[in-house]
Amino acid sequence: MTNNDSTITAWFLGRLPEAWTSTAPAAIIVDRDEITVGLTIPEPELSADANDVDRAEALAGRVSGFREDTREQRMQIAREAEHRFERKVAWRVTVGDRTELFTHLAAPVMTRLRQPERIVLDTLVAANVARSRADALAWCVRLVGQHTEDWLVELRDAMEAVDRLRASGPVTN
């Protein structure tokens, strides 16, 4: 069995209950350690005169309710996927403008940094932007990701094209 992104995505799209994808299709994000299943659920109906605080509480309640009401089924799907694809599964739910990520993996990343890079991280820690060098590094990665998203999308598309070409090539022993 292959564990490429499209195979994993197809499995989840077939396995998820239709009620969970009635608002929008599931967004499956795959890396070598984790699969994140993103679901969009309907917003609660509020009166036209509802204020921002009431709206925020309604969204928080909807997310909390979905998390509790689907816990057993999500855990069962995650167990199946973890066994099948040898990756952890996380869940992300979006309702309105609120997105919440449920129990996700924090993978250690080994790196060797020279003094100039360490000084950058230490400056972020000293300025209370981050609690530790690890948090500072994660902050830097998120910032770069925000500012290079278009380029990263192009790069991922190119990598998928290479994977498709490799798969259609001759089989080697």
Protein backbone atom coordinates (compact mmCIF):
# COMPACT_ATOMS: atom_id res chain seq x y z
CA MET A 1 0.00 0.00 0.00
CA THR A 2 1.26 3.48 -0.80
CA ASN A 3 1.07 6.21 1.78
CA ASN A 4 1.24 9.24 -0.48
CA ASP A 5 -0.80 12.34 0.27
CA SER A 6 -3.51 11.63 -2.30
CA THR A 7 -4.02 8.06 -1.05
CA ILE A 8 -4.31 9.24 2.55
CA THR A 9 -6.67 12.05 1.55
CA ALA A 10 -8.83 9.66 -0.46
CA TRP A 11 -9.07 7.26 2.48
CA PHE A 12 -10.20 10.03 4.83
CA LEU A 13 -12.70 11.42 2.33
CA GLY A 14 -14.22 7.95 2.08
CA ARG A 15 -14.06 7.25 5.83
CA LEU A 16 -15.39 10.47 7.33
CA PRO A 17 -19.12 10.60 8.12
CA GLU A 18 -21.04 12.63 5.52
CA ALA A 19 -22.57 14.77 8.27
CA TRP A 20 -19.09 16.08 9.12
CA THR A 21 -18.47 17.26 5.56
CA SER A 22 -21.91 18.65 4.71
CA THR A 23 -20.80 22.27 5.17
CA ALA A 24 -17.50 21.97 3.26
CA PRO A 25 -15.20 19.16 2.12
CA ALA A 26 -12.63 18.02 4.64
CA ALA A 27 -9.16 19.53 4.27
CA ILE A 28 -6.52 16.86 4.82
CA ILE A 29 -2.96 18.03 5.51
CA VAL A 30 -0.25 15.36 5.52
CA ASP A 31 3.38 15.48 6.55
CA ARG A 32 5.74 12.64 7.35
CA ASP A 33 4.70 12.59 11.04
CA GLU A 34 1.08 13.67 11.21
CA ILE A 35 -2.22 13.88 9.36
CA THR A 36 -4.46 16.83 10.22
CA VAL A 37 -8.13 16.51 9.32
CA GLY A 38 -9.75 19.93 8.93
CA LEU A 39 -13.52 20.09 9.20
CA THR A 40 -15.87 23.05 8.76
CA ILE A 41 -19.06 22.89 10.77
CA PRO A 42 -22.13 25.12 10.47
CA GLU A 43 -22.38 28.30 12.49
CA PRO A 44 -25.07 28.47 15.15
CA GLU A 45 -28.05 30.63 14.24
CA LEU A 46 -28.21 33.77 16.34
CA SER A 47 -30.65 36.62 16.42
CA ALA A 48 -29.84 39.60 14.22
CA ASP A 49 -29.12 41.75 17.28
CA ALA A 50 -26.51 39.35 18.76
CA ASN A 51 -23.35 41.19 19.80
CA ASP A 52 -19.75 40.10 19.18
CA VAL A 53 -19.39 38.57 22.64
CA ASP A 54 -22.52 36.46 22.20
CA ARG A 55 -21.35 35.39 18.73
CA ALA A 56 -17.90 34.41 20.05
CA GLU A 57 -19.48 32.37 22.87
CA ALA A 58 -21.84 30.66 20.42
CA LEU A 59 -18.90 29.67 18.19
CA ALA A 60 -16.91 28.43 21.19
CA GLY A 61 -19.91 26.38 22.30
CA ARG A 62 -20.35 24.89 18.83
CA VAL A 63 -16.69 23.83 18.67
CA SER A 64 -16.79 22.42 22.20
CA GLY A 65 -20.01 20.53 21.48
CA PHE A 66 -18.64 19.07 18.26
CA ARG A 67 -15.46 18.00 20.01
CA GLU A 68 -17.31 16.21 22.81
CA ASP A 69 -20.12 14.76 20.68
CA THR A 70 -17.73 13.25 18.09
CA ARG A 71 -14.89 12.21 20.41
CA GLU A 72 -15.43 8.43 20.27
CA GLN A 73 -15.94 8.36 16.50
CA ARG A 74 -12.93 10.63 15.86
CA MET A 75 -10.77 8.44 18.09
CA GLN A 76 -11.86 5.31 16.20
CA ILE A 77 -11.09 6.90 12.81
CA ALA A 78 -7.74 8.14 14.13
CA ARG A 79 -6.81 4.67 15.43
CA GLU A 80 -7.63 3.13 12.04
CA ALA A 81 -5.62 5.78 10.18
CA GLU A 82 -2.66 5.60 12.57
CA HIS A 83 -2.49 1.84 12.06
CA ARG A 84 -2.95 2.09 8.31
CA PHE A 85 -0.62 5.04 7.56
CA GLU A 86 1.77 4.95 10.57
CA ARG A 87 1.20 8.62 11.37
CA LYS A 88 -0.58 10.42 14.19
CA VAL A 89 -3.91 12.09 13.44
CA ALA A 90 -4.97 15.55 14.63
CA TRP A 91 -8.32 17.26 14.12
CA ARG A 92 -9.00 20.91 13.25
CA VAL A 93 -12.49 22.39 13.33
CA THR A 94 -13.55 25.70 11.82
CA VAL A 95 -16.85 27.40 12.54
CA GLY A 96 -17.28 30.94 11.27
CA ASP A 97 -14.01 32.78 11.89
CA ARG A 98 -12.95 30.49 14.75
CA THR A 99 -10.56 27.57 14.16
CA GLU A 100 -9.47 25.18 16.88
CA LEU A 101 -6.90 22.40 16.62
CA PHE A 102 -7.45 19.34 18.82
CA THR A 103 -4.51 17.38 20.27
CA HIS A 104 -1.76 17.64 17.72
CA LEU A 105 1.80 16.42 17.53
CA ALA A 106 4.76 18.55 18.59
CA ALA A 107 7.68 16.87 16.85
CA PRO A 108 11.23 17.56 18.00
CA VAL A 109 13.42 18.82 15.20
CA MET A 110 17.15 18.41 15.35
CA THR A 111 19.16 21.33 14.08
CA ARG A 112 22.59 22.83 14.46
CA LEU A 113 22.60 26.58 14.70
CA ARG A 114 25.59 28.81 14.53
CA GLN A 115 26.01 31.79 16.83
CA PRO A 116 24.26 34.36 14.56
CA GLU A 117 21.12 32.18 14.43
CA ARG A 118 21.26 31.53 18.17
CA ILE A 119 21.53 35.27 18.82
CA VAL A 120 18.33 35.82 16.83
CA LEU A 121 16.51 33.19 18.90
CA ASP A 122 17.93 34.52 22.16
CA THR A 123 16.79 38.05 21.24
CA LEU A 124 13.24 36.76 20.71
CA VAL A 125 13.38 35.04 24.10
CA ALA A 126 14.81 38.13 25.84
CA ALA A 127 12.05 40.28 24.30
CA ASN A 128 9.39 37.84 25.58
CA VAL A 129 8.29 37.05 22.04
CA ALA A 130 9.02 33.40 22.85
CA ARG A 131 9.56 31.40 26.04
CA SER A 132 12.48 29.37 24.77
CA ARG A 133 14.73 28.88 21.78
CA ALA A 134 12.40 26.12 20.59
CA ASP A 135 9.40 28.48 20.76
CA ALA A 136 11.42 31.19 19.03
CA LEU A 137 12.36 28.81 16.23
CA ALA A 138 8.72 27.76 15.81
CA TRP A 139 7.74 31.45 15.72
CA CYS A 140 10.31 32.09 12.96
CA VAL A 141 9.08 29.13 10.93
CA ARG A 142 5.44 30.33 11.20
CA LEU A 143 6.47 33.84 10.16
CA VAL A 144 8.39 32.57 7.13
CA GLY A 145 5.45 30.32 6.25
CA GLN A 146 3.03 33.26 6.33
CA HIS A 147 5.22 35.35 4.07
CA THR A 148 6.09 32.64 1.58
CA GLU A 149 2.81 30.69 1.33
CA ASP A 150 2.44 31.24 -2.43
CA TRP A 151 5.99 30.04 -3.04
CA LEU A 152 5.49 27.02 -0.76
CA VAL A 153 2.28 26.07 -2.61
CA GLU A 154 4.15 26.17 -5.92
CA LEU A 155 6.97 24.08 -4.46
CA ARG A 156 4.53 21.47 -3.09
CA ASP A 157 2.75 21.31 -6.47
CA ALA A 158 6.08 20.75 -8.21
CA MET A 159 7.00 18.00 -5.73
CA GLU A 160 3.65 16.28 -6.37
CA ALA A 161 4.32 16.44 -10.12
CA VAL A 162 7.72 14.78 -9.57
CA ASP A 163 6.07 12.07 -7.43
CA ARG A 164 3.52 11.40 -10.20
CA LEU A 165 6.30 11.14 -12.80
CA ARG A 166 8.28 8.76 -10.59
CA ALA A 167 5.21 6.58 -10.05
CA SER A 168 4.54 6.35 -13.79
CA GLY A 169 8.16 5.47 -14.60
CA PRO A 170 9.76 2.04 -14.83
CA VAL A 171 9.75 -0.19 -11.78
CA THR A 172 13.19 -0.80 -10.28
CA ASN A 173 14.20 -3.80 -8.20
